[in-house]
């Protein structure tokens, strides 16, 4: 993350380590966030399933805008 922060120093970056189910932890964090980015591999068995279970859960339970960012490779 250091490389990204060096490239975009005006973007506030906060790192935390939390224990729990990813959807619950991210949904709780969304209560104080202006926005949330969730990575997605989209490896479902069907072509139309572009979101993974965590990113889909976050989209349904977050209290702020969410952007699902696909990862490649």
PDB file of N, CA and C in Angstrom:
ATOM      1  N   UNK A   1       0.812  -1.182   0.000  1.00  0.00           N
ATOM      2  CA  UNK A   1       0.000   0.000   0.000  1.00  0.00           C
ATOM      3  C   UNK A   1       0.863   1.256   0.000  1.00  0.00           C
ATOM      4  N   UNK A   2       2.095   1.126   0.429  1.00  0.00           N
ATOM      5  CA  UNK A   2       2.974   2.290   0.488  1.00  0.00           C
ATOM      6  C   UNK A   2       3.189   2.898  -0.898  1.00  0.00           C
ATOM      7  N   UNK A   3       3.343   2.055  -1.906  1.00  0.00           N
ATOM      8  CA  UNK A   3       3.536   2.567  -3.258  1.00  0.00           C
ATOM      9  C   UNK A   3       2.332   3.342  -3.763  1.00  0.00           C
ATOM     10  N   UNK A   4       1.146   2.849  -3.470  1.00  0.00           N
ATOM     11  CA  UNK A   4      -0.079   3.552  -3.882  1.00  0.00           C
ATOM     12  C   UNK A   4      -0.207   4.878  -3.143  1.00  0.00           C
ATOM     13  N   UNK A   5       0.117   4.872  -1.852  1.00  0.00           N
ATOM     14  CA  UNK A   5       0.003   6.101  -1.078  1.00  0.00           C
ATOM     15  C   UNK A   5       1.020   7.146  -1.552  1.00  0.00           C
ATOM     16  N   UNK A   6       2.202   6.708  -1.941  1.00  0.00           N
ATOM     17  CA  UNK A   6       3.203   7.636  -2.465  1.00  0.00           C
ATOM     18  C   UNK A   6       2.735   8.245  -3.780  1.00  0.00           C
ATOM     19  N   UNK A   7       2.030   7.460  -4.568  1.00  0.00           N
ATOM     20  CA  UNK A   7       1.553   7.955  -5.867  1.00  0.00           C
ATOM     21  C   UNK A   7       0.342   8.879  -5.712  1.00  0.00           C
ATOM     22  N   UNK A   8      -0.475   8.631  -4.682  1.00  0.00           N
ATOM     23  CA  UNK A   8      -1.684   9.430  -4.442  1.00  0.00           C
ATOM     24  C   UNK A   8      -1.678   9.946  -3.009  1.00  0.00           C
ATOM     25  N   UNK A   9      -0.779  10.862  -2.666  1.00  0.00           N
ATOM     26  CA  UNK A   9      -0.636  11.303  -1.277  1.00  0.00           C
ATOM     27  C   UNK A   9      -1.855  12.061  -0.738  1.00  0.00           C
ATOM     28  N   UNK A  10      -2.700  12.580  -1.597  1.00  0.00           N
ATOM     29  CA  UNK A  10      -3.873  13.337  -1.165  1.00  0.00           C
ATOM     30  C   UNK A  10      -5.036  12.427  -0.759  1.00  0.00           C
ATOM     31  N   UNK A  11      -4.920  11.141  -1.015  1.00  0.00           N
ATOM     32  CA  UNK A  11      -5.966  10.187  -0.641  1.00  0.00           C
ATOM     33  C   UNK A  11      -5.666   9.676   0.762  1.00  0.00           C
ATOM     34  N   UNK A  12      -6.621   9.864   1.669  1.00  0.00           N
ATOM     35  CA  UNK A  12      -6.433   9.396   3.044  1.00  0.00           C
ATOM     36  C   UNK A  12      -6.448   7.874   3.071  1.00  0.00           C
ATOM     37  N   UNK A  13      -5.487   7.302   3.718  1.00  0.00           N
ATOM     38  CA  UNK A  13      -5.353   5.857   3.799  1.00  0.00           C
ATOM     39  C   UNK A  13      -5.236   5.461   5.260  1.00  0.00           C
ATOM     40  N   UNK A  14      -6.081   4.526   5.673  1.00  0.00           N
ATOM     41  CA  UNK A  14      -6.027   4.040   7.049  1.00  0.00           C
ATOM     42  C   UNK A  14      -5.995   2.522   7.013  1.00  0.00           C
ATOM     43  N   UNK A  15      -5.059   1.948   7.730  1.00  0.00           N
ATOM     44  CA  UNK A  15      -4.939   0.498   7.785  1.00  0.00           C
ATOM     45  C   UNK A  15      -5.314   0.018   9.180  1.00  0.00           C
ATOM     46  N   UNK A  16      -6.113  -1.019   9.242  1.00  0.00           N
ATOM     47  CA  UNK A  16      -6.520  -1.619  10.505  1.00  0.00           C
ATOM     48  C   UNK A  16      -6.521  -3.133  10.353  1.00  0.00           C
ATOM     49  N   UNK A  17      -6.287  -3.813  11.451  1.00  0.00           N
ATOM     50  CA  UNK A  17      -6.411  -5.262  11.474  1.00  0.00           C
ATOM     51  C   UNK A  17      -7.570  -5.578  12.412  1.00  0.00           C
ATOM     52  N   UNK A  18      -8.559  -6.271  11.899  1.00  0.00           N
ATOM     53  CA  UNK A  18      -9.719  -6.656  12.700  1.00  0.00           C
ATOM     54  C   UNK A  18      -9.967  -8.146  12.540  1.00  0.00           C
ATOM     55  N   UNK A  19     -10.567  -8.726  13.563  1.00  0.00           N
ATOM     56  CA  UNK A  19     -10.879 -10.153  13.547  1.00  0.00           C
ATOM     57  C   UNK A  19     -12.383 -10.314  13.397  1.00  0.00           C
ATOM     58  N   UNK A  20     -12.805 -11.214  12.516  1.00  0.00           N
ATOM     59  CA  UNK A  20     -14.221 -11.477  12.319  1.00  0.00           C
ATOM     60  C   UNK A  20     -14.501 -11.827  10.875  1.00  0.00           C
ATOM     61  N   UNK A  21     -15.775 -12.051  10.590  1.00  0.00           N
ATOM     62  CA  UNK A  21     -16.180 -12.346   9.212  1.00  0.00           C
ATOM     63  C   UNK A  21     -15.988 -11.085   8.371  1.00  0.00           C
ATOM     64  N   UNK A  22     -15.384 -11.185   7.191  1.00  0.00           N
ATOM     65  CA  UNK A  22     -15.086 -10.004   6.383  1.00  0.00           C
ATOM     66  C   UNK A  22     -16.300  -9.119   6.093  1.00  0.00           C
ATOM     67  N   UNK A  23     -17.445  -9.711   5.801  1.00  0.00           N
ATOM     68  CA  UNK A  23     -18.624  -8.900   5.497  1.00  0.00           C
ATOM     69  C   UNK A  23     -19.032  -8.088   6.724  1.00  0.00           C
ATOM     70  N   UNK A  24     -19.079  -8.708   7.876  1.00  0.00           N
ATOM     71  CA  UNK A  24     -19.475  -8.010   9.097  1.00  0.00           C
ATOM     72  C   UNK A  24     -18.476  -6.909   9.454  1.00  0.00           C
ATOM     73  N   UNK A  25     -17.196  -7.220   9.383  1.00  0.00           N
ATOM     74  CA  UNK A  25     -16.163  -6.248   9.735  1.00  0.00           C
ATOM     75  C   UNK A  25     -16.209  -5.045   8.788  1.00  0.00           C
ATOM     76  N   UNK A  26     -16.324  -5.291   7.491  1.00  0.00           N
ATOM     77  CA  UNK A  26     -16.375  -4.195   6.525  1.00  0.00           C
ATOM     78  C   UNK A  26     -17.670  -3.398   6.627  1.00  0.00           C
ATOM     79  N   UNK A  27     -18.781  -4.071   6.885  1.00  0.00           N
ATOM     80  CA  UNK A  27     -20.056  -3.369   7.049  1.00  0.00           C
ATOM     81  C   UNK A  27     -19.995  -2.456   8.273  1.00  0.00           C
ATOM     82  N   UNK A  28     -19.403  -2.927   9.363  1.00  0.00           N
ATOM     83  CA  UNK A  28     -19.255  -2.092  10.559  1.00  0.00           C
ATOM     84  C   UNK A  28     -18.357  -0.890  10.271  1.00  0.00           C
ATOM     85  N   UNK A  29     -17.267  -1.101   9.558  1.00  0.00           N
ATOM     86  CA  UNK A  29     -16.349  -0.011   9.222  1.00  0.00           C
ATOM     87  C   UNK A  29     -17.013   1.010   8.302  1.00  0.00           C
ATOM     88  N   UNK A  30     -17.969   0.575   7.504  1.00  0.00           N
ATOM     89  CA  UNK A  30     -18.623   1.480   6.553  1.00  0.00           C
ATOM     90  C   UNK A  30     -19.460   2.551   7.236  1.00  0.00           C
ATOM     91  N   UNK A  31     -19.800   2.340   8.503  1.00  0.00           N
ATOM     92  CA  UNK A  31     -20.607   3.327   9.232  1.00  0.00           C
ATOM     93  C   UNK A  31     -19.858   4.645   9.400  1.00  0.00           C
ATOM     94  N   UNK A  32     -18.529   4.609   9.435  1.00  0.00           N
ATOM     95  CA  UNK A  32     -17.729   5.827   9.597  1.00  0.00           C
ATOM     96  C   UNK A  32     -16.971   6.205   8.326  1.00  0.00           C
ATOM     97  N   UNK A  33     -17.244   5.544   7.232  1.00  0.00           N
ATOM     98  CA  UNK A  33     -16.474   5.781   6.007  1.00  0.00           C
ATOM     99  C   UNK A  33     -17.290   6.549   4.967  1.00  0.00           C
ATOM    100  N   UNK A  34     -16.639   7.437   4.219  1.00  0.00           N
ATOM    101  CA  UNK A  34     -17.341   8.114   3.127  1.00  0.00           C
ATOM    102  C   UNK A  34     -17.543   7.197   1.926  1.00  0.00           C
ATOM    103  N   UNK A  35     -16.762   6.120   1.845  1.00  0.00           N
ATOM    104  CA  UNK A  35     -16.862   5.171   0.753  1.00  0.00           C
ATOM    105  C   UNK A  35     -16.009   3.956   1.052  1.00  0.00           C
ATOM    106  N   UNK A  36     -16.268   2.873   0.344  1.00  0.00           N
ATOM    107  CA  UNK A  36     -15.564   1.624   0.586  1.00  0.00           C
ATOM    108  C   UNK A  36     -15.270   0.953  -0.747  1.00  0.00           C
ATOM    109  N   UNK A  37     -14.031   0.500  -0.936  1.00  0.00           N
ATOM    110  CA  UNK A  37     -13.657  -0.259  -2.129  1.00  0.00           C
ATOM    111  C   UNK A  37     -13.475  -1.714  -1.720  1.00  0.00           C
ATOM    112  N   UNK A  38     -14.129  -2.604  -2.442  1.00  0.00           N
ATOM    113  CA  UNK A  38     -14.035  -4.035  -2.158  1.00  0.00           C
ATOM    114  C   UNK A  38     -13.526  -4.744  -3.401  1.00  0.00           C
ATOM    115  N   UNK A  39     -12.427  -5.451  -3.260  1.00  0.00           N
ATOM    116  CA  UNK A  39     -11.896  -6.217  -4.379  1.00  0.00           C
ATOM    117  C   UNK A  39     -12.754  -7.443  -4.628  1.00  0.00           C
ATOM    118  N   UNK A  40     -12.817  -7.878  -5.866  1.00  0.00           N
ATOM    119  CA  UNK A  40     -13.592  -9.066  -6.204  1.00  0.00           C
ATOM    120  C   UNK A  40     -12.870  -9.860  -7.274  1.00  0.00           C
ATOM    121  N   UNK A  41     -12.814 -11.152  -7.066  1.00  0.00           N
ATOM    122  CA  UNK A  41     -12.217 -12.040  -8.060  1.00  0.00           C
ATOM    123  C   UNK A  41     -13.267 -12.585  -9.005  1.00  0.00           C
ATOM    124  N   UNK A  42     -14.526 -12.630  -8.560  1.00  0.00           N
ATOM    125  CA  UNK A  42     -15.596 -13.091  -9.424  1.00  0.00           C
ATOM    126  C   UNK A  42     -15.379 -14.486  -9.965  1.00  0.00           C
ATOM    127  N   UNK A  43     -15.088 -15.427  -9.088  1.00  0.00           N
ATOM    128  CA  UNK A  43     -14.794 -16.779  -9.543  1.00  0.00           C
ATOM    129  C   UNK A  43     -15.957 -17.731  -9.337  1.00  0.00           C
ATOM    130  N   UNK A  44     -17.166 -17.203  -9.400  1.00  0.00           N
ATOM    131  CA  UNK A  44     -18.331 -18.059  -9.258  1.00  0.00           C
ATOM    132  C   UNK A  44     -18.428 -19.036 -10.413  1.00  0.00           C
ATOM    133  N   UNK A  45     -19.275 -20.048 -10.264  1.00  0.00           N
ATOM    134  CA  UNK A  45     -19.414 -21.073 -11.282  1.00  0.00           C
ATOM    135  C   UNK A  45     -20.173 -20.617 -12.508  1.00  0.00           C
ATOM    136  N   UNK A  46     -20.856 -19.488 -12.426  1.00  0.00           N
ATOM    137  CA  UNK A  46     -21.642 -18.992 -13.549  1.00  0.00           C
ATOM    138  C   UNK A  46     -21.024 -17.715 -14.088  1.00  0.00           C
ATOM    139  N   UNK A  47     -21.093 -17.528 -15.379  1.00  0.00           N
ATOM    140  CA  UNK A  47     -20.503 -16.362 -16.015  1.00  0.00           C
ATOM    141  C   UNK A  47     -21.070 -15.068 -15.457  1.00  0.00           C
ATOM    142  N   UNK A  48     -22.344 -15.037 -15.107  1.00  0.00           N
ATOM    143  CA  UNK A  48     -22.977 -13.826 -14.611  1.00  0.00           C
ATOM    144  C   UNK A  48     -22.635 -13.474 -13.182  1.00  0.00           C
ATOM    145  N   UNK A  49     -21.955 -14.365 -12.470  1.00  0.00           N
ATOM    146  CA  UNK A  49     -21.595 -14.094 -11.077  1.00  0.00           C
ATOM    147  C   UNK A  49     -20.268 -13.347 -11.047  1.00  0.00           C
ATOM    148  N   UNK A  50     -20.333 -12.033 -11.157  1.00  0.00           N
ATOM    149  CA  UNK A  50     -19.116 -11.235 -11.233  1.00  0.00           C
ATOM    150  C   UNK A  50     -18.572 -10.876  -9.860  1.00  0.00           C
ATOM    151  N   UNK A  51     -19.393 -10.971  -8.823  1.00  0.00           N
ATOM    152  CA  UNK A  51     -18.963 -10.614  -7.484  1.00  0.00           C
ATOM    153  C   UNK A  51     -18.744 -11.856  -6.651  1.00  0.00           C
ATOM    154  N   UNK A  52     -17.748 -11.799  -5.788  1.00  0.00           N
ATOM    155  CA  UNK A  52     -17.547 -12.872  -4.833  1.00  0.00           C
ATOM    156  C   UNK A  52     -18.508 -12.699  -3.665  1.00  0.00           C
ATOM    157  N   UNK A  53     -18.521 -13.648  -2.759  1.00  0.00           N
ATOM    158  CA  UNK A  53     -19.469 -13.604  -1.644  1.00  0.00           C
ATOM    159  C   UNK A  53     -19.209 -12.434  -0.714  1.00  0.00           C
ATOM    160  N   UNK A  54     -17.952 -12.068  -0.503  1.00  0.00           N
ATOM    161  CA  UNK A  54     -17.653 -10.949   0.403  1.00  0.00           C
ATOM    162  C   UNK A  54     -18.079  -9.623  -0.228  1.00  0.00           C
ATOM    163  N   UNK A  55     -17.678  -9.372  -1.464  1.00  0.00           N
ATOM    164  CA  UNK A  55     -18.051  -8.097  -2.088  1.00  0.00           C
ATOM    165  C   UNK A  55     -19.562  -7.981  -2.241  1.00  0.00           C
ATOM    166  N   UNK A  56     -20.236  -9.066  -2.538  1.00  0.00           N
ATOM    167  CA  UNK A  56     -21.697  -9.020  -2.641  1.00  0.00           C
ATOM    168  C   UNK A  56     -22.325  -8.737  -1.279  1.00  0.00           C
ATOM    169  N   UNK A  57     -21.818  -9.374  -0.231  1.00  0.00           N
ATOM    170  CA  UNK A  57     -22.319  -9.132   1.116  1.00  0.00           C
ATOM    171  C   UNK A  57     -22.093  -7.698   1.562  1.00  0.00           C
ATOM    172  N   UNK A  58     -20.924  -7.153   1.245  1.00  0.00           N
ATOM    173  CA  UNK A  58     -20.620  -5.768   1.606  1.00  0.00           C
ATOM    174  C   UNK A  58     -21.569  -4.821   0.881  1.00  0.00           C
ATOM    175  N   UNK A  59     -21.830  -5.074  -0.393  1.00  0.00           N
ATOM    176  CA  UNK A  59     -22.762  -4.225  -1.141  1.00  0.00           C
ATOM    177  C   UNK A  59     -24.150  -4.196  -0.503  1.00  0.00           C
ATOM    178  N   UNK A  60     -24.574  -5.303   0.060  1.00  0.00           N
ATOM    179  CA  UNK A  60     -25.903  -5.392   0.665  1.00  0.00           C
ATOM    180  C   UNK A  60     -25.969  -4.794   2.068  1.00  0.00           C
ATOM    181  N   UNK A  61     -24.843  -4.753   2.788  1.00  0.00           N
ATOM    182  CA  UNK A  61     -24.885  -4.361   4.196  1.00  0.00           C
ATOM    183  C   UNK A  61     -24.147  -3.075   4.539  1.00  0.00           C
ATOM    184  N   UNK A  62     -23.455  -2.469   3.607  1.00  0.00           N
ATOM    185  CA  UNK A  62     -22.672  -1.270   3.899  1.00  0.00           C
ATOM    186  C   UNK A  62     -23.569  -0.046   4.089  1.00  0.00           C
ATOM    187  N   UNK A  63     -23.087   0.877   4.914  1.00  0.00           N
ATOM    188  CA  UNK A  63     -23.794   2.129   5.177  1.00  0.00           C
ATOM    189  C   UNK A  63     -23.225   3.293   4.371  1.00  0.00           C
ATOM    190  N   UNK A  64     -22.389   3.009   3.403  1.00  0.00           N
ATOM    191  CA  UNK A  64     -21.801   4.044   2.560  1.00  0.00           C
ATOM    192  C   UNK A  64     -21.726   3.504   1.128  1.00  0.00           C
ATOM    193  N   UNK A  65     -21.407   4.361   0.173  1.00  0.00           N
ATOM    194  CA  UNK A  65     -21.241   3.872  -1.196  1.00  0.00           C
ATOM    195  C   UNK A  65     -20.109   2.857  -1.282  1.00  0.00           C
ATOM    196  N   UNK A  66     -20.301   1.840  -2.117  1.00  0.00           N
ATOM    197  CA  UNK A  66     -19.303   0.775  -2.293  1.00  0.00           C
ATOM    198  C   UNK A  66     -18.975   0.656  -3.771  1.00  0.00           C
ATOM    199  N   UNK A  67     -17.689   0.510  -4.067  1.00  0.00           N
ATOM    200  CA  UNK A  67     -17.270   0.217  -5.427  1.00  0.00           C
ATOM    201  C   UNK A  67     -16.587  -1.152  -5.405  1.00  0.00           C
ATOM    202  N   UNK A  68     -17.017  -2.018  -6.307  1.00  0.00           N
ATOM    203  CA  UNK A  68     -16.410  -3.347  -6.428  1.00  0.00           C
ATOM    204  C   UNK A  68     -15.328  -3.278  -7.487  1.00  0.00           C
ATOM    205  N   UNK A  69     -14.093  -3.561  -7.090  1.00  0.00           N
ATOM    206  CA  UNK A  69     -12.941  -3.433  -7.975  1.00  0.00           C
ATOM    207  C   UNK A  69     -12.457  -4.828  -8.360  1.00  0.00           C
ATOM    208  N   UNK A  70     -12.536  -5.185  -9.643  1.00  0.00           N
ATOM    209  CA  UNK A  70     -12.086  -6.521 -10.048  1.00  0.00           C
ATOM    210  C   UNK A  70     -10.567  -6.636  -9.971  1.00  0.00           C
ATOM    211  N   UNK A  71     -10.113  -7.823  -9.611  1.00  0.00           N
ATOM    212  CA  UNK A  71      -8.672  -8.096  -9.638  1.00  0.00           C
ATOM    213  C   UNK A  71      -8.408  -9.000 -10.821  1.00  0.00           C
ATOM    214  N   UNK A  72      -7.241  -8.907 -11.343  1.00  0.00           N
ATOM    215  CA  UNK A  72      -6.887  -9.707 -12.521  1.00  0.00           C
ATOM    216  C   UNK A  72      -5.693 -10.582 -12.194  1.00  0.00           C
ATOM    217  N   UNK A  73      -5.713 -11.765 -12.768  1.00  0.00           N
ATOM    218  CA  UNK A  73      -4.568 -12.640 -12.639  1.00  0.00           C
ATOM    219  C   UNK A  73      -4.700 -13.529 -11.482  1.00  0.00           C
TER     220      UNK A  73
END
